[in-house]
Amino acid sequence: MIDPRRLLVLRAFAAAGSIAEAARSLHLTPPAVSQQLATLERELGVTLVDRTGHRAVLTAAGRLMVQTAERINADLVDGERQLAELTGSLTGPVRIAAFQSVMRDLVAPALQQAAICHPAVKPAFTERYGPAAVDELRQGNLDLIIYEHDSNDKPPAGPRLAATPLLFDPYRLVVPAAWQVQPRSIRDLIGCPWVGGPPGTACDRLLQRLLDGTDPTLRIADVCVEFPTVLALVAAGRGAAIVPRLALRDQAVRAFPHIDLGGRRIGALYAHYRGQAKPAVRALLDVLTTTAAGIGS
């Protein structure tokens, strides 16, 4: 008789890509994961993990048993959903990750509302975003992440991951209050210094795209990860910047909402099983969707 718990360890290894990462997602030690996999191999009489190369990889038999593990995991989620429907009660933890600029208007109000509507659902928040957060979700360390992407780009995706769009957040051009300019477009600031984001971020890609080939003297004076830092430097006269509307606060900057720069799309990414999210995750998604609708475009 196969121990389904060991199959789920094999599933975690397949998702994580290494024994060390699987151990981290399962809150076990790497030797414990290796022992569980070895025991499963003895029970089945086949090699599931090829350990002869530089890194351990699944064999054909291992990939087959991962499919079995996926079906078992989907059955567990389906059972949890049916139990929630039977009892009318939603319970359990939801590990959620998001980034700073959606906390005030989206995530914090949604968590507050979820505590009222679903008191037995226990969200646990961590500040994380980007590809690292998607990897954590794929490995099972997170249940739901809030993502952003430039409206010209595609949302993040992956096997067994589903995305729910939440809202459109338009970009705003901001300049120091002391600058005596009235730009009609971003190209009116050619030759000016800019405060930008790290390479590959939504705002960095936008700035490079809008000024590509038009400003050979494009000068990124400062590079910041978080928008409050960007706005503080703009207020200090360091340069102009492009920030999402949700990031704007009461800093001493001038914004030009009449200049259409597009925007970023914000959504929720989560694991699905036979097209279904875990009931507690679904409940939090519904609250996030309602909260986002109240923000508007």
Protein backbone atom coordinates (compact mmCIF):
# COMPACT_ATOMS: atom_id res chain seq x y z
CA MET A 1 0.00 0.00 0.00
CA ILE A 2 1.47 3.34 -1.06
CA ASP A 3 1.65 5.98 1.65
CA PRO A 4 -0.02 9.05 0.05
CA ARG A 5 2.01 11.35 2.29
CA ARG A 6 5.17 10.16 0.55
CA LEU A 7 3.55 10.76 -2.82
CA LEU A 8 2.95 14.35 -1.78
CA VAL A 9 6.64 14.63 -0.88
CA LEU A 10 7.42 13.44 -4.41
CA ARG A 11 5.00 16.05 -5.75
CA ALA A 12 6.77 18.75 -3.75
CA PHE A 13 10.12 17.63 -5.18
CA ALA A 14 8.72 17.81 -8.72
CA ALA A 15 7.38 21.31 -8.12
CA ALA A 16 10.52 22.62 -6.40
CA GLY A 17 13.09 21.04 -8.71
CA SER A 18 15.48 20.04 -5.94
CA ILE A 19 15.49 18.17 -2.65
CA ALA A 20 16.66 21.26 -0.76
CA GLU A 21 13.82 23.42 -2.10
CA ALA A 22 11.28 20.65 -1.54
CA ALA A 23 12.47 20.38 2.06
CA ARG A 24 12.01 24.12 2.51
CA SER A 25 8.47 24.06 1.14
CA LEU A 26 7.55 21.10 3.35
CA HIS A 27 9.30 22.50 6.44
CA LEU A 28 11.48 19.40 6.61
CA THR A 29 15.21 18.81 6.42
CA PRO A 30 16.75 17.67 3.11
CA PRO A 31 17.78 14.30 4.65
CA ALA A 32 14.16 13.76 5.74
CA VAL A 33 12.90 14.41 2.20
CA SER A 34 15.55 12.09 0.75
CA GLN A 35 14.54 9.40 3.23
CA GLN A 36 10.86 9.73 2.32
CA LEU A 37 11.65 9.45 -1.38
CA ALA A 38 13.92 6.45 -0.83
CA THR A 39 11.24 4.70 1.24
CA LEU A 40 8.67 5.34 -1.50
CA GLU A 41 11.04 3.85 -4.06
CA ARG A 42 11.45 0.73 -1.92
CA GLU A 43 7.67 0.43 -1.54
CA LEU A 44 7.15 0.66 -5.29
CA GLY A 45 10.26 -1.27 -6.33
CA VAL A 46 11.25 1.33 -8.92
CA THR A 47 13.59 4.31 -9.14
CA LEU A 48 11.65 7.55 -9.01
CA VAL A 49 14.54 10.01 -8.77
CA ASP A 50 17.72 9.81 -10.84
CA ARG A 51 20.56 10.94 -8.58
CA THR A 52 23.47 10.12 -10.92
CA GLY A 53 23.86 13.59 -12.48
CA HIS A 54 24.72 17.00 -11.08
CA ARG A 55 21.16 17.36 -9.85
CA ALA A 56 18.42 14.92 -8.95
CA VAL A 57 15.69 14.60 -11.60
CA LEU A 58 12.53 12.55 -11.95
CA THR A 59 12.61 9.32 -13.92
CA ALA A 60 9.75 8.28 -16.21
CA ALA A 61 8.32 6.29 -13.29
CA GLY A 62 8.71 9.32 -11.07
CA ARG A 63 6.78 11.53 -13.50
CA LEU A 64 4.02 8.92 -13.65
CA MET A 65 3.72 8.83 -9.85
CA VAL A 66 3.69 12.65 -9.71
CA GLN A 67 0.56 12.52 -11.86
CA THR A 68 -0.95 10.16 -9.28
CA ALA A 69 0.07 12.57 -6.52
CA GLU A 70 -1.60 15.43 -8.39
CA ARG A 71 -4.85 13.47 -8.59
CA ILE A 72 -4.70 12.70 -4.88
CA ASN A 73 -4.05 16.34 -4.05
CA ALA A 74 -6.94 17.42 -6.29
CA ASP A 75 -9.19 14.90 -4.52
CA LEU A 76 -8.23 16.41 -1.16
CA VAL A 77 -9.03 19.91 -2.38
CA ASP A 78 -12.32 18.70 -3.84
CA GLY A 79 -13.19 17.04 -0.54
CA GLU A 80 -12.39 20.26 1.28
CA ARG A 81 -14.67 22.17 -1.09
CA GLN A 82 -17.55 19.71 -0.63
CA LEU A 83 -17.14 19.84 3.14
CA ALA A 84 -17.30 23.64 3.04
CA GLU A 85 -20.49 23.43 0.98
CA LEU A 86 -22.00 20.90 3.37
CA THR A 87 -21.22 22.79 6.56
CA GLY A 88 -21.40 26.31 5.16
CA SER A 89 -18.14 27.03 6.97
CA LEU A 90 -14.85 28.19 5.50
CA THR A 91 -11.73 27.56 7.56
CA GLY A 92 -8.01 27.36 7.17
CA PRO A 93 -4.89 29.42 6.53
CA VAL A 94 -4.22 31.35 3.33
CA ARG A 95 -0.65 32.48 2.73
CA ILE A 96 -0.81 35.62 0.62
CA ALA A 97 1.99 37.73 -0.86
CA ALA A 98 1.80 41.20 -2.36
CA PHE A 99 3.85 44.35 -2.90
CA GLN A 100 3.93 47.70 -1.16
CA SER A 101 1.94 49.88 -3.56
CA VAL A 102 -1.27 47.81 -3.33
CA MET A 103 -1.29 47.48 0.45
CA ARG A 104 -3.20 50.63 1.42
CA ASP A 105 -5.99 50.55 -1.18
CA LEU A 106 -6.41 46.85 -1.96
CA VAL A 107 -4.81 44.26 0.31
CA ALA A 108 -5.31 45.82 3.75
CA PRO A 109 -9.02 46.65 3.18
CA ALA A 110 -9.59 43.16 1.74
CA LEU A 111 -7.98 41.48 4.75
CA GLN A 112 -10.10 43.63 7.06
CA GLN A 113 -13.28 42.66 5.22
CA ALA A 114 -12.28 38.99 5.09
CA ALA A 115 -11.93 38.98 8.89
CA ILE A 116 -15.58 40.09 9.10
CA CYS A 117 -17.03 37.84 6.39
CA HIS A 118 -14.89 34.74 6.99
CA PRO A 119 -13.51 34.84 10.54
CA ALA A 120 -12.32 31.23 10.42
CA VAL A 121 -10.15 31.92 7.36
CA LYS A 122 -6.72 32.97 8.60
CA PRO A 123 -4.69 34.95 6.05
CA ALA A 124 -0.96 35.28 6.66
CA PHE A 125 0.64 38.11 4.69
CA THR A 126 4.20 38.44 3.43
CA GLU A 127 5.66 41.20 1.25
CA ARG A 128 6.97 39.51 -1.86
CA TYR A 129 6.48 39.90 -5.60
CA GLY A 130 7.86 39.09 -9.03
CA PRO A 131 9.27 35.78 -10.27
CA ALA A 132 10.40 34.80 -6.76
CA ALA A 133 6.81 34.99 -5.51
CA VAL A 134 5.56 32.92 -8.48
CA ASP A 135 8.20 30.27 -7.66
CA GLU A 136 7.05 30.23 -4.04
CA LEU A 137 3.46 29.77 -5.20
CA ARG A 138 4.41 26.97 -7.57
CA GLN A 139 6.31 25.20 -4.81
CA GLY A 140 3.39 25.42 -2.42
CA ASN A 141 4.94 27.92 -0.01
CA LEU A 142 2.25 30.49 -0.87
CA ASP A 143 -1.44 30.10 -1.65
CA LEU A 144 -2.12 33.38 -3.44
CA ILE A 145 0.00 36.23 -4.76
CA ILE A 146 -0.91 39.68 -6.03
CA TYR A 147 0.96 40.38 -9.26
CA GLU A 148 1.44 43.36 -11.55
CA HIS A 149 2.39 43.59 -15.18
CA ASP A 150 2.54 46.33 -17.77
CA SER A 151 -0.67 46.40 -19.80
CA ASN A 152 1.37 45.59 -22.92
CA ASP A 153 2.77 42.42 -21.33
CA LYS A 154 1.14 39.11 -20.53
CA PRO A 155 0.33 38.14 -16.94
CA PRO A 156 2.45 35.50 -15.22
CA ALA A 157 1.33 31.93 -15.84
CA GLY A 158 2.34 28.36 -15.24
CA PRO A 159 1.04 24.81 -15.01
CA ARG A 160 -1.81 24.48 -12.51
CA LEU A 161 -1.80 28.23 -11.86
CA ALA A 162 -4.82 30.44 -12.50
CA ALA A 163 -5.05 34.23 -12.65
CA THR A 164 -7.92 36.50 -11.65
CA PRO A 165 -7.67 40.11 -12.97
CA LEU A 166 -8.44 42.67 -10.28
CA LEU A 167 -7.94 46.21 -11.56
CA PHE A 168 -6.23 48.56 -13.99
CA ASP A 169 -3.91 51.12 -12.39
CA PRO A 170 -2.99 53.99 -14.76
CA TYR A 171 0.54 55.39 -14.82
CA ARG A 172 1.19 58.98 -13.87
CA LEU A 173 4.05 61.23 -14.93
CA VAL A 174 5.39 63.10 -11.88
CA VAL A 175 8.02 65.84 -11.68
CA PRO A 176 9.50 67.89 -8.83
CA ALA A 177 7.23 70.73 -7.69
CA ALA A 178 10.03 73.20 -8.41
CA TRP A 179 10.25 72.29 -12.11
CA GLN A 180 8.61 74.98 -14.20
CA VAL A 181 7.35 72.69 -16.95
CA GLN A 182 3.95 71.95 -18.47
CA PRO A 183 4.58 68.79 -20.50
CA ARG A 184 2.01 67.69 -23.03
CA SER A 185 3.74 64.35 -23.47
CA ILE A 186 6.64 62.46 -21.95
CA ARG A 187 8.83 63.54 -24.87
CA ASP A 188 8.69 67.13 -23.61
CA LEU A 189 11.07 65.94 -20.87
CA ILE A 190 13.79 64.67 -23.19
CA GLY A 191 17.16 65.51 -21.69
CA CYS A 192 15.81 65.61 -18.12
CA PRO A 193 17.04 63.25 -15.38
CA TRP A 194 14.77 60.40 -14.32
CA VAL A 195 14.22 58.33 -11.21
CA GLY A 196 13.63 54.78 -12.42
CA GLY A 197 12.97 51.26 -11.23
CA PRO A 198 15.22 48.21 -11.39
CA PRO A 199 15.69 46.71 -14.86
CA GLY A 200 12.76 44.49 -15.84
CA THR A 201 10.17 46.13 -13.60
CA ALA A 202 6.93 47.40 -15.15
CA CYS A 203 7.85 51.08 -14.84
CA ASP A 204 11.38 50.53 -16.13
CA ARG A 205 10.09 48.74 -19.22
CA LEU A 206 7.54 51.49 -19.77
CA LEU A 207 10.12 54.28 -19.55
CA GLN A 208 12.49 52.50 -21.90
CA ARG A 209 9.68 51.83 -24.37
CA LEU A 210 8.32 55.38 -24.39
CA LEU A 211 11.72 56.99 -24.82
CA ASP A 212 13.40 54.30 -26.92
CA GLY A 213 15.08 55.93 -29.88
CA THR A 214 13.79 59.40 -29.01
CA ASP A 215 16.11 60.36 -26.17
CA PRO A 216 19.71 59.29 -26.79
CA THR A 217 20.71 61.15 -23.64
CA LEU A 218 18.24 59.22 -21.43
CA ARG A 219 19.67 59.54 -17.94
CA ILE A 220 18.41 57.40 -15.04
CA ALA A 221 19.77 59.37 -12.11
CA ASP A 222 18.53 57.06 -9.37
CA VAL A 223 17.13 53.52 -9.27
CA CYS A 224 14.64 52.58 -6.54
CA VAL A 225 12.68 49.46 -5.71
CA GLU A 226 9.74 51.00 -3.85
CA PHE A 227 7.54 53.86 -5.03
CA PRO A 228 7.67 55.87 -1.78
CA THR A 229 11.42 56.14 -2.32
CA VAL A 230 10.89 57.12 -5.95
CA LEU A 231 8.46 59.87 -4.95
CA ALA A 232 10.73 61.12 -2.16
CA LEU A 233 13.56 61.55 -4.65
CA VAL A 234 11.30 63.26 -7.18
CA ALA A 235 10.16 65.63 -4.43
CA ALA A 236 13.82 66.31 -3.67
CA GLY A 237 14.37 67.43 -7.26
CA ARG A 238 16.35 64.38 -8.41
CA GLY A 239 14.31 63.81 -11.55
CA ALA A 240 10.99 62.95 -13.12
CA ALA A 241 9.40 59.52 -12.75
CA ILE A 242 6.53 57.34 -13.86
CA VAL A 243 4.52 55.79 -11.04
CA PRO A 244 1.16 54.04 -10.81
CA ARG A 245 -1.77 56.07 -9.54
CA LEU A 246 -2.13 53.84 -6.45
CA ALA A 247 1.42 54.74 -5.43
CA LEU A 248 0.76 58.48 -5.30
CA ARG A 249 0.62 60.09 -1.88
CA ASP A 250 0.87 63.67 -0.66
CA GLN A 251 4.52 64.23 -1.57
CA ALA A 252 5.58 67.58 -3.02
CA VAL A 253 5.44 66.46 -6.65
CA ARG A 254 3.40 67.51 -9.64
CA ALA A 255 1.40 64.87 -11.51
CA PHE A 256 -0.04 65.12 -15.03
CA PRO A 257 -3.05 62.79 -15.32
CA HIS A 258 -3.94 64.18 -18.77
CA ILE A 259 -0.89 62.45 -20.28
CA ASP A 260 -1.94 58.92 -21.23
CA LEU A 261 0.89 56.52 -20.46
CA GLY A 262 -1.12 53.33 -20.22
CA GLY A 263 -0.96 51.48 -16.94
CA ARG A 264 -0.30 48.30 -15.07
CA ARG A 265 -2.73 45.46 -14.53
CA ILE A 266 -3.03 43.98 -11.08
CA GLY A 267 -4.37 40.52 -10.42
CA ALA A 268 -4.27 37.50 -8.17
CA LEU A 269 -2.43 34.29 -9.05
CA TYR A 270 -3.21 31.04 -7.26
CA ALA A 271 -2.99 27.27 -7.62
CA HIS A 272 -6.02 25.47 -9.00
CA TYR A 273 -6.97 21.83 -8.84
CA ARG A 274 -9.35 20.57 -11.57
CA GLY A 275 -10.20 24.19 -12.18
CA GLN A 276 -11.00 24.84 -8.53
CA ALA A 277 -9.17 26.94 -5.95
CA LYS A 278 -9.07 25.85 -2.33
CA PRO A 279 -12.26 27.08 -0.61
CA ALA A 280 -10.45 29.47 1.74
CA VAL A 281 -8.44 30.86 -1.18
CA ARG A 282 -11.63 31.26 -3.21
CA ALA A 283 -13.22 33.21 -0.37
CA LEU A 284 -10.27 35.59 -0.16
CA LEU A 285 -10.28 35.99 -3.95
CA ASP A 286 -13.93 37.02 -3.84
CA VAL A 287 -13.18 39.66 -1.20
CA LEU A 288 -10.21 40.96 -3.19
CA THR A 289 -12.36 41.19 -6.34
CA THR A 290 -15.05 43.16 -4.51
CA THR A 291 -12.47 45.48 -2.95
CA ALA A 292 -10.79 46.08 -6.32
CA ALA A 293 -14.14 46.92 -7.92
CA GLY A 294 -14.56 49.67 -5.34
CA ILE A 295 -11.24 51.23 -6.31
CA GLY A 296 -12.27 51.80 -9.91
CA SER A 297 -10.09 52.44 -12.93
